[in-house]
Amino acid sequence: MREWIVLLDDIRRLGAWTDVLRDAWALRQVPGRQAFSLLVSGESDRHWGPQFRDLGREDPPTYDFVADWSGDGREFRRGRVVAPRVSTWAIEFLVRYLFLSRSLQLELPASEPELARLRSLGPEVVASRIGDSELFEFDGGLVHVELGSAPGPTLRCYAPFREADRSGYYPAAGAFRQRILAMLGRV
């Protein structure tokens, strides 16, 4: 949890909040719950965080807390466990937000042999598994795979794209796609 708080502070200090997150800083008690909010949705109808009873654990489970609209909407009810650890939730949350960021993005179906090929490309590709996600990091890019998804693995691929003029997006995305296809052994 400490690392998450430091990360949020770094993002805020760098003025990069809207580049990384669209949700709001919370770091307070979830209204009406014995839980600590790590982040509140931009619509203020959902919090994510651990319950107070779990704060003594090194890396407690993370729940979502959703607005209870049966009353005035200021109280929240505990939803589901969204991750077995705060660290898992934080990494998966940030990776999913890459989709909303200014980055090159593409999705490709992949076979299990292609995933095995990606795993074997070290040291230039670093593979890690966090919760139900597998991440492949490499110079200039990231591939995210949600394991166990139907109909099979889908690669969500991201690379930085910071040009203000978006006219270069499609050529850059095409080059990035070719790079991913080569990593999969398709070209």
Protein backbone atom coordinates (compact mmCIF):
# COMPACT_ATOMS: atom_id res chain seq x y z
CA MET A 1 0.00 0.00 0.00
CA ARG A 2 2.84 2.39 0.77
CA GLU A 3 4.15 1.97 -2.77
CA TRP A 4 0.73 2.85 -4.22
CA ILE A 5 0.56 6.03 -2.13
CA VAL A 6 4.09 7.02 -3.18
CA LEU A 7 3.21 6.32 -6.84
CA LEU A 8 0.09 8.52 -6.63
CA ASP A 9 2.14 11.29 -5.07
CA ASP A 10 4.80 10.99 -7.79
CA ILE A 11 2.16 11.10 -10.54
CA ARG A 12 0.54 14.17 -8.96
CA ARG A 13 3.88 15.92 -8.41
CA LEU A 14 4.92 15.33 -12.03
CA GLY A 15 1.64 16.78 -13.27
CA ALA A 16 0.92 13.51 -15.08
CA TRP A 17 -2.37 12.57 -13.40
CA THR A 18 -4.53 12.80 -16.52
CA ASP A 19 -1.90 10.95 -18.58
CA VAL A 20 -1.99 8.00 -16.20
CA LEU A 21 -5.33 7.98 -14.37
CA ARG A 22 -8.77 9.46 -14.88
CA ASP A 23 -9.95 8.64 -11.39
CA ALA A 24 -9.54 10.71 -8.24
CA TRP A 25 -7.15 10.68 -5.33
CA ALA A 26 -8.91 9.26 -2.26
CA LEU A 27 -6.68 7.89 0.55
CA ARG A 28 -9.43 8.10 3.13
CA GLN A 29 -12.14 5.99 4.68
CA VAL A 30 -14.78 4.67 2.30
CA PRO A 31 -18.01 6.44 3.38
CA GLY A 32 -20.05 4.14 5.63
CA ARG A 33 -17.51 1.28 5.51
CA GLN A 34 -14.62 0.06 7.60
CA ALA A 35 -12.33 0.29 4.59
CA PHE A 36 -9.54 2.48 3.23
CA SER A 37 -10.02 3.98 -0.24
CA LEU A 38 -6.95 3.85 -2.48
CA LEU A 39 -8.80 5.51 -5.37
CA VAL A 40 -12.31 6.72 -6.16
CA SER A 41 -13.80 6.54 -9.64
CA GLY A 42 -14.13 9.72 -11.65
CA GLU A 43 -17.89 9.43 -11.23
CA SER A 44 -17.48 9.08 -7.42
CA ASP A 45 -19.64 5.93 -7.42
CA ARG A 46 -16.90 3.37 -6.75
CA HIS A 47 -13.94 3.07 -4.38
CA TRP A 48 -11.17 0.47 -4.42
CA GLY A 49 -9.23 -0.57 -1.35
CA PRO A 50 -8.65 -2.95 1.56
CA GLN A 51 -10.85 -3.35 4.62
CA PHE A 52 -9.52 -1.89 7.87
CA ARG A 53 -9.34 -5.38 9.43
CA ASP A 54 -6.80 -6.38 6.77
CA LEU A 55 -4.49 -3.36 7.07
CA GLY A 56 -2.07 -5.29 9.31
CA ARG A 57 -1.31 -7.65 6.44
CA GLU A 58 1.69 -6.86 4.27
CA ASP A 59 -0.30 -6.86 1.03
CA PRO A 60 -4.04 -7.09 1.83
CA PRO A 61 -6.86 -8.04 -0.56
CA THR A 62 -8.52 -5.24 -2.52
CA TYR A 63 -12.28 -4.84 -2.74
CA ASP A 64 -14.49 -2.58 -4.74
CA PHE A 65 -17.11 -0.57 -2.90
CA VAL A 66 -20.04 0.65 -4.96
CA ALA A 67 -22.52 3.43 -4.26
CA ASP A 68 -25.69 2.20 -2.59
CA TRP A 69 -28.38 3.90 -4.60
CA SER A 70 -31.16 2.48 -2.42
CA GLY A 71 -30.47 5.44 -0.12
CA ASP A 72 -29.01 8.83 -0.93
CA GLY A 73 -25.98 7.41 -2.76
CA ARG A 74 -23.53 8.65 -0.13
CA GLU A 75 -23.14 5.21 1.45
CA PHE A 76 -21.24 2.38 -0.20
CA ARG A 77 -21.67 -1.37 -0.08
CA ARG A 78 -18.81 -3.80 -0.31
CA GLY A 79 -18.63 -5.45 -3.70
CA ARG A 80 -16.32 -8.25 -4.65
CA VAL A 81 -12.67 -8.97 -4.05
CA VAL A 82 -11.07 -7.48 -7.16
CA ALA A 83 -7.56 -8.75 -6.37
CA PRO A 84 -5.96 -10.94 -3.71
CA ARG A 85 -3.37 -8.22 -2.99
CA VAL A 86 -3.16 -4.43 -3.31
CA SER A 87 -0.02 -4.84 -5.43
CA THR A 88 -1.86 -7.09 -7.89
CA TRP A 89 -4.78 -4.66 -8.08
CA ALA A 90 -2.48 -1.66 -8.61
CA ILE A 91 -0.51 -3.21 -11.45
CA GLU A 92 -3.57 -4.60 -13.23
CA PHE A 93 -5.44 -1.31 -12.75
CA LEU A 94 -2.61 0.73 -14.25
CA VAL A 95 -2.14 -1.67 -17.16
CA ARG A 96 -5.85 -1.53 -17.98
CA TYR A 97 -5.67 2.26 -17.92
CA LEU A 98 -3.04 2.19 -20.62
CA PHE A 99 -5.99 1.62 -22.94
CA LEU A 100 -7.25 5.10 -22.11
CA SER A 101 -3.86 6.77 -22.32
CA ARG A 102 -2.08 8.30 -25.26
CA SER A 103 -0.31 5.18 -26.41
CA LEU A 104 -0.15 2.93 -29.44
CA GLN A 105 -2.63 0.16 -28.81
CA LEU A 106 -3.49 -3.06 -30.55
CA GLU A 107 -5.18 -6.32 -29.71
CA LEU A 108 -4.22 -9.64 -31.23
CA PRO A 109 -5.44 -13.17 -30.56
CA ALA A 110 -2.64 -15.52 -29.59
CA SER A 111 -2.18 -19.24 -29.27
CA GLU A 112 -0.59 -21.00 -26.32
CA PRO A 113 2.52 -21.80 -28.44
CA GLU A 114 2.85 -18.08 -29.24
CA LEU A 115 2.65 -17.23 -25.54
CA ALA A 116 5.33 -19.84 -24.89
CA ARG A 117 7.47 -18.19 -27.57
CA LEU A 118 7.05 -14.78 -25.88
CA ARG A 119 8.09 -16.32 -22.55
CA SER A 120 11.24 -17.73 -24.16
CA LEU A 121 12.47 -14.42 -25.64
CA GLY A 122 14.42 -13.33 -22.52
CA PRO A 123 16.44 -11.36 -21.64
CA GLU A 124 15.08 -8.78 -24.10
CA VAL A 125 11.51 -9.65 -23.05
CA VAL A 126 10.77 -9.79 -19.34
CA ALA A 127 7.77 -11.97 -18.51
CA SER A 128 5.92 -11.75 -15.21
CA ARG A 129 2.65 -13.04 -13.87
CA ILE A 130 0.54 -10.97 -11.52
CA GLY A 131 -2.82 -12.31 -10.46
CA ASP A 132 -4.75 -13.28 -13.59
CA SER A 133 -2.48 -11.22 -15.82
CA GLU A 134 0.71 -11.99 -17.63
CA LEU A 135 2.92 -9.07 -18.64
CA PHE A 136 5.67 -9.02 -21.23
CA GLU A 137 7.89 -5.95 -20.99
CA PHE A 138 10.41 -5.01 -23.66
CA ASP A 139 12.20 -1.93 -24.86
CA GLY A 140 9.50 0.47 -26.00
CA GLY A 141 6.48 -1.72 -25.29
CA LEU A 142 4.29 -3.81 -23.03
CA VAL A 143 2.00 -6.76 -23.75
CA HIS A 144 -0.79 -7.60 -21.30
CA VAL A 145 -2.62 -10.94 -21.38
CA GLU A 146 -5.58 -11.74 -19.14
CA LEU A 147 -5.15 -15.44 -18.50
CA GLY A 148 -8.14 -17.74 -18.72
CA SER A 149 -10.16 -15.38 -20.90
CA ALA A 150 -12.50 -16.80 -23.50
CA PRO A 151 -12.22 -17.74 -26.32
CA GLY A 152 -8.46 -17.74 -25.75
CA PRO A 153 -5.54 -15.47 -24.98
CA THR A 154 -5.79 -11.93 -26.31
CA LEU A 155 -2.68 -9.79 -26.36
CA ARG A 156 -3.26 -6.16 -25.46
CA CYS A 157 -0.16 -4.38 -26.71
CA TYR A 158 0.94 -0.86 -25.79
CA ALA A 159 3.80 1.41 -26.78
CA PRO A 160 4.38 5.11 -26.01
CA PHE A 161 3.06 7.65 -28.48
CA ARG A 162 3.42 11.23 -27.32
CA GLU A 163 3.25 13.18 -30.56
CA ALA A 164 0.75 16.04 -30.37
CA ASP A 165 0.09 15.62 -34.08
CA ARG A 166 -1.88 12.37 -34.30
CA SER A 167 -1.24 12.00 -38.05
CA GLY A 168 1.72 9.72 -37.30
CA TYR A 169 -0.35 7.34 -35.16
CA TYR A 170 -1.33 4.80 -37.83
CA PRO A 171 2.15 4.43 -39.37
CA ALA A 172 3.64 4.03 -35.86
CA ALA A 173 0.91 1.54 -34.90
CA GLY A 174 1.59 -0.46 -38.07
CA ALA A 175 5.32 -0.64 -37.29
CA PHE A 176 4.52 -1.67 -33.71
CA ARG A 177 2.16 -4.39 -34.99
CA GLN A 178 4.92 -5.78 -37.23
CA ARG A 179 7.26 -5.86 -34.24
CA ILE A 180 4.72 -7.83 -32.16
CA LEU A 181 4.02 -10.23 -35.02
CA ALA A 182 7.76 -10.89 -35.36
CA MET A 183 7.97 -11.61 -31.61
CA LEU A 184 5.14 -14.14 -32.05
CA GLY A 185 6.94 -15.75 -34.98
CA ARG A 186 4.25 -14.83 -37.50
CA VAL A 187 6.60 -12.92 -39.85
